[in-house]
PDB file of N, CA and C in Angstrom:
ATOM      1  N   UNK A   1      -0.067  -1.563   7.881  1.00  0.00           N
ATOM      2  CA  UNK A   1       0.735  -2.633   8.442  1.00  0.00           C
ATOM      3  C   UNK A   1       1.063  -2.300   9.888  1.00  0.00           C
ATOM      4  N   UNK A   2       0.851  -3.267  10.732  1.00  0.00           N
ATOM      5  CA  UNK A   2       1.216  -3.079  12.138  1.00  0.00           C
ATOM      6  C   UNK A   2       2.732  -3.088  12.290  1.00  0.00           C
ATOM      7  N   UNK A   3       3.193  -2.409  13.304  1.00  0.00           N
ATOM      8  CA  UNK A   3       4.630  -2.326  13.556  1.00  0.00           C
ATOM      9  C   UNK A   3       5.185  -3.697  13.897  1.00  0.00           C
ATOM     10  N   UNK A   4       6.332  -4.022  13.310  1.00  0.00           N
ATOM     11  CA  UNK A   4       7.037  -5.277  13.599  1.00  0.00           C
ATOM     12  C   UNK A   4       8.447  -4.935  14.049  1.00  0.00           C
ATOM     13  N   UNK A   5       9.033  -5.791  14.861  1.00  0.00           N
ATOM     14  CA  UNK A   5      10.381  -5.523  15.348  1.00  0.00           C
ATOM     15  C   UNK A   5      11.471  -6.128  14.467  1.00  0.00           C
ATOM     16  N   UNK A   6      11.099  -7.006  13.537  1.00  0.00           N
ATOM     17  CA  UNK A   6      12.066  -7.540  12.585  1.00  0.00           C
ATOM     18  C   UNK A   6      11.325  -8.021  11.347  1.00  0.00           C
ATOM     19  N   UNK A   7      12.073  -8.172  10.272  1.00  0.00           N
ATOM     20  CA  UNK A   7      11.494  -8.547   8.994  1.00  0.00           C
ATOM     21  C   UNK A   7      12.317  -9.666   8.384  1.00  0.00           C
ATOM     22  N   UNK A   8      11.691 -10.441   7.517  1.00  0.00           N
ATOM     23  CA  UNK A   8      12.427 -11.505   6.833  1.00  0.00           C
ATOM     24  C   UNK A   8      13.017 -10.956   5.542  1.00  0.00           C
ATOM     25  N   UNK A   9      14.016 -11.641   5.046  1.00  0.00           N
ATOM     26  CA  UNK A   9      14.611 -11.279   3.762  1.00  0.00           C
ATOM     27  C   UNK A   9      13.548 -11.328   2.672  1.00  0.00           C
ATOM     28  N   UNK A  10      12.669 -12.312   2.741  1.00  0.00           N
ATOM     29  CA  UNK A  10      11.619 -12.462   1.735  1.00  0.00           C
ATOM     30  C   UNK A  10      10.666 -11.262   1.737  1.00  0.00           C
ATOM     31  N   UNK A  11      10.328 -10.754   2.910  1.00  0.00           N
ATOM     32  CA  UNK A  11       9.459  -9.576   2.996  1.00  0.00           C
ATOM     33  C   UNK A  11      10.110  -8.367   2.332  1.00  0.00           C
ATOM     34  N   UNK A  12      11.395  -8.203   2.573  1.00  0.00           N
ATOM     35  CA  UNK A  12      12.121  -7.080   1.989  1.00  0.00           C
ATOM     36  C   UNK A  12      12.222  -7.251   0.474  1.00  0.00           C
ATOM     37  N   UNK A  13      12.515  -8.470   0.024  1.00  0.00           N
ATOM     38  CA  UNK A  13      12.591  -8.737  -1.415  1.00  0.00           C
ATOM     39  C   UNK A  13      11.259  -8.447  -2.104  1.00  0.00           C
ATOM     40  N   UNK A  14      10.158  -8.873  -1.500  1.00  0.00           N
ATOM     41  CA  UNK A  14       8.832  -8.630  -2.073  1.00  0.00           C
ATOM     42  C   UNK A  14       8.528  -7.136  -2.139  1.00  0.00           C
ATOM     43  N   UNK A  15       8.882  -6.426  -1.087  1.00  0.00           N
ATOM     44  CA  UNK A  15       8.649  -4.983  -1.055  1.00  0.00           C
ATOM     45  C   UNK A  15       9.473  -4.285  -2.130  1.00  0.00           C
ATOM     46  N   UNK A  16      10.732  -4.638  -2.239  1.00  0.00           N
ATOM     47  CA  UNK A  16      11.587  -4.029  -3.255  1.00  0.00           C
ATOM     48  C   UNK A  16      11.056  -4.337  -4.662  1.00  0.00           C
ATOM     49  N   UNK A  17      10.585  -5.555  -4.872  1.00  0.00           N
ATOM     50  CA  UNK A  17      10.023  -5.933  -6.168  1.00  0.00           C
ATOM     51  C   UNK A  17       8.778  -5.095  -6.476  1.00  0.00           C
ATOM     52  N   UNK A  18       7.951  -4.849  -5.476  1.00  0.00           N
ATOM     53  CA  UNK A  18       6.760  -4.032  -5.687  1.00  0.00           C
ATOM     54  C   UNK A  18       7.155  -2.631  -6.152  1.00  0.00           C
ATOM     55  N   UNK A  19       8.110  -2.013  -5.450  1.00  0.00           N
ATOM     56  CA  UNK A  19       8.552  -0.673  -5.833  1.00  0.00           C
ATOM     57  C   UNK A  19       9.157  -0.673  -7.238  1.00  0.00           C
ATOM     58  N   UNK A  20       9.861  -1.744  -7.605  1.00  0.00           N
ATOM     59  CA  UNK A  20      10.512  -1.822  -8.916  1.00  0.00           C
ATOM     60  C   UNK A  20       9.520  -2.010 -10.059  1.00  0.00           C
ATOM     61  N   UNK A  21       8.360  -2.559  -9.763  1.00  0.00           N
ATOM     62  CA  UNK A  21       7.412  -2.892 -10.829  1.00  0.00           C
ATOM     63  C   UNK A  21       6.201  -1.974 -10.899  1.00  0.00           C
ATOM     64  N   UNK A  22       6.169  -0.955 -10.063  1.00  0.00           N
ATOM     65  CA  UNK A  22       5.045  -0.020 -10.081  1.00  0.00           C
ATOM     66  C   UNK A  22       5.530   1.412 -10.272  1.00  0.00           C
ATOM     67  N   UNK A  23       4.744   2.173 -10.998  1.00  0.00           N
ATOM     68  CA  UNK A  23       4.993   3.608 -11.123  1.00  0.00           C
ATOM     69  C   UNK A  23       4.136   4.309 -10.093  1.00  0.00           C
ATOM     70  N   UNK A  24       4.686   5.346  -9.497  1.00  0.00           N
ATOM     71  CA  UNK A  24       3.956   6.070  -8.459  1.00  0.00           C
ATOM     72  C   UNK A  24       4.440   7.499  -8.414  1.00  0.00           C
ATOM     73  N   UNK A  25       3.605   8.335  -7.853  1.00  0.00           N
ATOM     74  CA  UNK A  25       3.971   9.743  -7.699  1.00  0.00           C
ATOM     75  C   UNK A  25       5.172   9.859  -6.766  1.00  0.00           C
ATOM     76  N   UNK A  26       5.938  10.919  -6.937  1.00  0.00           N
ATOM     77  CA  UNK A  26       7.184  11.082  -6.191  1.00  0.00           C
ATOM     78  C   UNK A  26       7.041  11.885  -4.907  1.00  0.00           C
ATOM     79  N   UNK A  27       5.854  12.356  -4.619  1.00  0.00           N
ATOM     80  CA  UNK A  27       5.643  13.145  -3.409  1.00  0.00           C
ATOM     81  C   UNK A  27       4.525  12.512  -2.589  1.00  0.00           C
ATOM     82  N   UNK A  28       4.790  12.364  -1.290  1.00  0.00           N
ATOM     83  CA  UNK A  28       3.780  11.747  -0.423  1.00  0.00           C
ATOM     84  C   UNK A  28       3.910  12.295   0.996  1.00  0.00           C
ATOM     85  N   UNK A  29       2.787  12.393   1.643  1.00  0.00           N
ATOM     86  CA  UNK A  29       2.729  12.804   3.046  1.00  0.00           C
ATOM     87  C   UNK A  29       2.346  11.567   3.851  1.00  0.00           C
ATOM     88  N   UNK A  30       3.215  11.165   4.769  1.00  0.00           N
ATOM     89  CA  UNK A  30       2.953   9.975   5.583  1.00  0.00           C
ATOM     90  C   UNK A  30       2.270  10.312   6.899  1.00  0.00           C
ATOM     91  N   UNK A  31       1.998  11.583   7.133  1.00  0.00           N
ATOM     92  CA  UNK A  31       1.406  11.987   8.402  1.00  0.00           C
ATOM     93  C   UNK A  31       2.476  12.132   9.463  1.00  0.00           C
ATOM     94  N   UNK A  32       2.089  12.589  10.626  1.00  0.00           N
ATOM     95  CA  UNK A  32       3.015  12.786  11.752  1.00  0.00           C
ATOM     96  C   UNK A  32       4.229  13.627  11.370  1.00  0.00           C
ATOM     97  N   UNK A  33       4.023  14.564  10.445  1.00  0.00           N
ATOM     98  CA  UNK A  33       5.109  15.452  10.050  1.00  0.00           C
ATOM     99  C   UNK A  33       6.109  14.856   9.084  1.00  0.00           C
ATOM    100  N   UNK A  34       5.812  13.701   8.521  1.00  0.00           N
ATOM    101  CA  UNK A  34       6.731  13.063   7.581  1.00  0.00           C
ATOM    102  C   UNK A  34       6.239  13.331   6.160  1.00  0.00           C
ATOM    103  N   UNK A  35       7.009  14.115   5.428  1.00  0.00           N
ATOM    104  CA  UNK A  35       6.693  14.425   4.032  1.00  0.00           C
ATOM    105  C   UNK A  35       7.902  14.044   3.188  1.00  0.00           C
ATOM    106  N   UNK A  36       7.664  13.297   2.120  1.00  0.00           N
ATOM    107  CA  UNK A  36       8.740  12.863   1.231  1.00  0.00           C
ATOM    108  C   UNK A  36       8.502  13.500  -0.135  1.00  0.00           C
ATOM    109  N   UNK A  37       9.491  14.259  -0.605  1.00  0.00           N
ATOM    110  CA  UNK A  37       9.368  14.956  -1.884  1.00  0.00           C
ATOM    111  C   UNK A  37       9.860  14.122  -3.062  1.00  0.00           C
ATOM    112  N   UNK A  38      10.794  13.212  -2.818  1.00  0.00           N
ATOM    113  CA  UNK A  38      11.394  12.401  -3.878  1.00  0.00           C
ATOM    114  C   UNK A  38      11.423  10.942  -3.415  1.00  0.00           C
ATOM    115  N   UNK A  39      10.348  10.247  -3.657  1.00  0.00           N
ATOM    116  CA  UNK A  39      10.206   8.875  -3.148  1.00  0.00           C
ATOM    117  C   UNK A  39      11.328   7.978  -3.660  1.00  0.00           C
ATOM    118  N   UNK A  40      11.622   8.009  -4.972  1.00  0.00           N
ATOM    119  CA  UNK A  40      12.669   7.138  -5.515  1.00  0.00           C
ATOM    120  C   UNK A  40      14.016   7.350  -4.820  1.00  0.00           C
ATOM    121  N   UNK A  41      14.388   8.611  -4.612  1.00  0.00           N
ATOM    122  CA  UNK A  41      15.658   8.912  -3.950  1.00  0.00           C
ATOM    123  C   UNK A  41      15.656   8.451  -2.495  1.00  0.00           C
ATOM    124  N   UNK A  42      14.513   8.457  -1.873  1.00  0.00           N
ATOM    125  CA  UNK A  42      14.387   8.012  -0.486  1.00  0.00           C
ATOM    126  C   UNK A  42      14.476   6.493  -0.402  1.00  0.00           C
ATOM    127  N   UNK A  43      13.888   5.808  -1.384  1.00  0.00           N
ATOM    128  CA  UNK A  43      13.844   4.350  -1.348  1.00  0.00           C
ATOM    129  C   UNK A  43      15.219   3.698  -1.465  1.00  0.00           C
ATOM    130  N   UNK A  44      16.077   4.245  -2.308  1.00  0.00           N
ATOM    131  CA  UNK A  44      17.374   3.609  -2.569  1.00  0.00           C
ATOM    132  C   UNK A  44      18.169   3.335  -1.291  1.00  0.00           C
ATOM    133  N   UNK A  45      18.486   4.338  -0.480  1.00  0.00           N
ATOM    134  CA  UNK A  45      19.270   4.043   0.726  1.00  0.00           C
ATOM    135  C   UNK A  45      18.476   3.256   1.772  1.00  0.00           C
ATOM    136  N   UNK A  46      17.170   3.497   1.829  1.00  0.00           N
ATOM    137  CA  UNK A  46      16.370   2.781   2.825  1.00  0.00           C
ATOM    138  C   UNK A  46      16.266   1.294   2.496  1.00  0.00           C
ATOM    139  N   UNK A  47      16.145   0.957   1.218  1.00  0.00           N
ATOM    140  CA  UNK A  47      16.109  -0.455   0.835  1.00  0.00           C
ATOM    141  C   UNK A  47      17.458  -1.122   1.071  1.00  0.00           C
ATOM    142  N   UNK A  48      18.526  -0.370   0.876  1.00  0.00           N
ATOM    143  CA  UNK A  48      19.860  -0.904   1.164  1.00  0.00           C
ATOM    144  C   UNK A  48      19.965  -1.278   2.647  1.00  0.00           C
ATOM    145  N   UNK A  49      19.526  -0.378   3.503  1.00  0.00           N
ATOM    146  CA  UNK A  49      19.526  -0.654   4.946  1.00  0.00           C
ATOM    147  C   UNK A  49      18.634  -1.851   5.259  1.00  0.00           C
ATOM    148  N   UNK A  50      17.471  -1.895   4.637  1.00  0.00           N
ATOM    149  CA  UNK A  50      16.523  -2.989   4.902  1.00  0.00           C
ATOM    150  C   UNK A  50      17.125  -4.336   4.554  1.00  0.00           C
ATOM    151  N   UNK A  51      17.835  -4.411   3.442  1.00  0.00           N
ATOM    152  CA  UNK A  51      18.465  -5.683   3.058  1.00  0.00           C
ATOM    153  C   UNK A  51      19.570  -6.072   4.032  1.00  0.00           C
ATOM    154  N   UNK A  52      20.339  -5.099   4.442  1.00  0.00           N
ATOM    155  CA  UNK A  52      21.475  -5.380   5.311  1.00  0.00           C
ATOM    156  C   UNK A  52      21.067  -5.644   6.760  1.00  0.00           C
ATOM    157  N   UNK A  53      19.991  -5.012   7.226  1.00  0.00           N
ATOM    158  CA  UNK A  53      19.647  -5.036   8.648  1.00  0.00           C
ATOM    159  C   UNK A  53      18.233  -5.528   8.938  1.00  0.00           C
ATOM    160  N   UNK A  54      17.626  -6.281   8.031  1.00  0.00           N
ATOM    161  CA  UNK A  54      16.216  -6.673   8.175  1.00  0.00           C
ATOM    162  C   UNK A  54      15.907  -7.412   9.475  1.00  0.00           C
ATOM    163  N   UNK A  55      16.880  -8.087  10.032  1.00  0.00           N
ATOM    164  CA  UNK A  55      16.626  -8.853  11.252  1.00  0.00           C
ATOM    165  C   UNK A  55      17.159  -8.160  12.517  1.00  0.00           C
ATOM    166  N   UNK A  56      17.594  -6.916  12.386  1.00  0.00           N
ATOM    167  CA  UNK A  56      18.132  -6.160  13.514  1.00  0.00           C
ATOM    168  C   UNK A  56      17.045  -5.211  14.029  1.00  0.00           C
ATOM    169  N   UNK A  57      16.618  -5.422  15.246  1.00  0.00           N
ATOM    170  CA  UNK A  57      15.523  -4.630  15.838  1.00  0.00           C
ATOM    171  C   UNK A  57      15.805  -3.136  15.838  1.00  0.00           C
ATOM    172  N   UNK A  58      17.066  -2.752  15.891  1.00  0.00           N
ATOM    173  CA  UNK A  58      17.423  -1.338  15.935  1.00  0.00           C
ATOM    174  C   UNK A  58      17.027  -0.605  14.660  1.00  0.00           C
ATOM    175  N   UNK A  59      16.836  -1.325  13.570  1.00  0.00           N
ATOM    176  CA  UNK A  59      16.492  -0.715  12.287  1.00  0.00           C
ATOM    177  C   UNK A  59      15.034  -0.942  11.901  1.00  0.00           C
ATOM    178  N   UNK A  60      14.246  -1.512  12.792  1.00  0.00           N
ATOM    179  CA  UNK A  60      12.862  -1.850  12.447  1.00  0.00           C
ATOM    180  C   UNK A  60      12.013  -0.615  12.152  1.00  0.00           C
ATOM    181  N   UNK A  61      12.291   0.493  12.792  1.00  0.00           N
ATOM    182  CA  UNK A  61      11.534   1.720  12.536  1.00  0.00           C
ATOM    183  C   UNK A  61      11.748   2.227  11.123  1.00  0.00           C
ATOM    184  N   UNK A  62      13.002   2.258  10.683  1.00  0.00           N
ATOM    185  CA  UNK A  62      13.302   2.702   9.326  1.00  0.00           C
ATOM    186  C   UNK A  62      12.675   1.767   8.297  1.00  0.00           C
ATOM    187  N   UNK A  63      12.750   0.476   8.551  1.00  0.00           N
ATOM    188  CA  UNK A  63      12.186  -0.494   7.619  1.00  0.00           C
ATOM    189  C   UNK A  63      10.667  -0.388   7.595  1.00  0.00           C
ATOM    190  N   UNK A  64      10.072  -0.165   8.742  1.00  0.00           N
ATOM    191  CA  UNK A  64       8.615  -0.010   8.807  1.00  0.00           C
ATOM    192  C   UNK A  64       8.151   1.151   7.923  1.00  0.00           C
ATOM    193  N   UNK A  65       8.946   2.202   7.856  1.00  0.00           N
ATOM    194  CA  UNK A  65       8.583   3.353   7.032  1.00  0.00           C
ATOM    195  C   UNK A  65       8.484   2.952   5.551  1.00  0.00           C
ATOM    196  N   UNK A  66       9.324   2.037   5.109  1.00  0.00           N
ATOM    197  CA  UNK A  66       9.221   1.557   3.723  1.00  0.00           C
ATOM    198  C   UNK A  66       7.850   0.944   3.452  1.00  0.00           C
ATOM    199  N   UNK A  67       7.387   0.129   4.372  1.00  0.00           N
ATOM    200  CA  UNK A  67       6.069  -0.482   4.214  1.00  0.00           C
ATOM    201  C   UNK A  67       4.967   0.575   4.308  1.00  0.00           C
ATOM    202  N   UNK A  68       5.194   1.578   5.129  1.00  0.00           N
ATOM    203  CA  UNK A  68       4.235   2.679   5.264  1.00  0.00           C
ATOM    204  C   UNK A  68       4.171   3.490   3.962  1.00  0.00           C
ATOM    205  N   UNK A  69       5.301   3.691   3.310  1.00  0.00           N
ATOM    206  CA  UNK A  69       5.313   4.407   2.038  1.00  0.00           C
ATOM    207  C   UNK A  69       4.449   3.667   1.021  1.00  0.00           C
ATOM    208  N   UNK A  70       4.660   2.368   0.898  1.00  0.00           N
ATOM    209  CA  UNK A  70       3.858   1.575  -0.040  1.00  0.00           C
ATOM    210  C   UNK A  70       2.373   1.667   0.317  1.00  0.00           C
ATOM    211  N   UNK A  71       2.070   1.472   1.568  1.00  0.00           N
ATOM    212  CA  UNK A  71       0.684   1.507   2.039  1.00  0.00           C
ATOM    213  C   UNK A  71       0.016   2.840   1.722  1.00  0.00           C
ATOM    214  N   UNK A  72       0.715   3.925   1.974  1.00  0.00           N
ATOM    215  CA  UNK A  72       0.145   5.257   1.748  1.00  0.00           C
ATOM    216  C   UNK A  72       0.054   5.602   0.261  1.00  0.00           C
ATOM    217  N   UNK A  73       1.012   5.146  -0.527  1.00  0.00           N
ATOM    218  CA  UNK A  73       0.908   5.354  -1.973  1.00  0.00           C
ATOM    219  C   UNK A  73      -0.382   4.728  -2.502  1.00  0.00           C
ATOM    220  N   UNK A  74      -0.665   3.525  -2.055  1.00  0.00           N
ATOM    221  CA  UNK A  74      -1.881   2.834  -2.483  1.00  0.00           C
ATOM    222  C   UNK A  74      -3.113   3.548  -1.932  1.00  0.00           C
ATOM    223  N   UNK A  75      -3.097   3.834  -0.651  1.00  0.00           N
ATOM    224  CA  UNK A  75      -4.239   4.456   0.027  1.00  0.00           C
ATOM    225  C   UNK A  75      -4.584   5.821  -0.569  1.00  0.00           C
ATOM    226  N   UNK A  76      -3.560   6.585  -0.938  1.00  0.00           N
ATOM    227  CA  UNK A  76      -3.765   7.931  -1.458  1.00  0.00           C
ATOM    228  C   UNK A  76      -3.908   7.955  -2.990  1.00  0.00           C
ATOM    229  N   UNK A  77      -4.068   6.778  -3.585  1.00  0.00           N
ATOM    230  CA  UNK A  77      -4.231   6.657  -5.049  1.00  0.00           C
ATOM    231  C   UNK A  77      -3.093   7.312  -5.817  1.00  0.00           C
ATOM    232  N   UNK A  78      -1.868   7.095  -5.361  1.00  0.00           N
ATOM    233  CA  UNK A  78      -0.706   7.678  -6.015  1.00  0.00           C
ATOM    234  C   UNK A  78       0.073   6.649  -6.829  1.00  0.00           C
ATOM    235  N   UNK A  79      -0.487   5.442  -6.965  1.00  0.00           N
ATOM    236  CA  UNK A  79       0.146   4.412  -7.789  1.00  0.00           C
ATOM    237  C   UNK A  79      -0.458   4.516  -9.177  1.00  0.00           C
ATOM    238  N   UNK A  80       0.408   4.660 -10.162  1.00  0.00           N
ATOM    239  CA  UNK A  80      -0.038   4.853 -11.540  1.00  0.00           C
ATOM    240  C   UNK A  80      -0.260   3.527 -12.257  1.00  0.00           C
ATOM    241  N   UNK A  81       0.394   2.476 -11.823  1.00  0.00           N
ATOM    242  CA  UNK A  81       0.260   1.176 -12.465  1.00  0.00           C
ATOM    243  C   UNK A  81       1.581   0.452 -12.482  1.00  0.00           C
ATOM    244  N   UNK A  82       1.599  -0.660 -13.187  1.00  0.00           N
ATOM    245  CA  UNK A  82       2.825  -1.443 -13.279  1.00  0.00           C
ATOM    246  C   UNK A  82       3.703  -0.908 -14.385  1.00  0.00           C
ATOM    247  N   UNK A  83       4.994  -1.017 -14.197  1.00  0.00           N
ATOM    248  CA  UNK A  83       5.969  -0.555 -15.196  1.00  0.00           C
ATOM    249  C   UNK A  83       6.031  -1.538 -16.343  1.00  0.00           C
TER     250      UNK A  83
END
């Protein structure tokens, strides 16, 4: 996903629904020195921020990482299937 400076509520809702309905490994390397050991624990506060600040450009980097997590889980074959 290309970087965006703001997101819609619908985009955030769809992303959260995807995470809620899929099983995936809990460890992922996003590159550029970003390694996440506990994806579920990382998602909770980040999704909260995304819902509250989806249209605020100052938070677009953090929100973009959520989409990057999903993208990399799929790319690295770390999605186990639907719950």
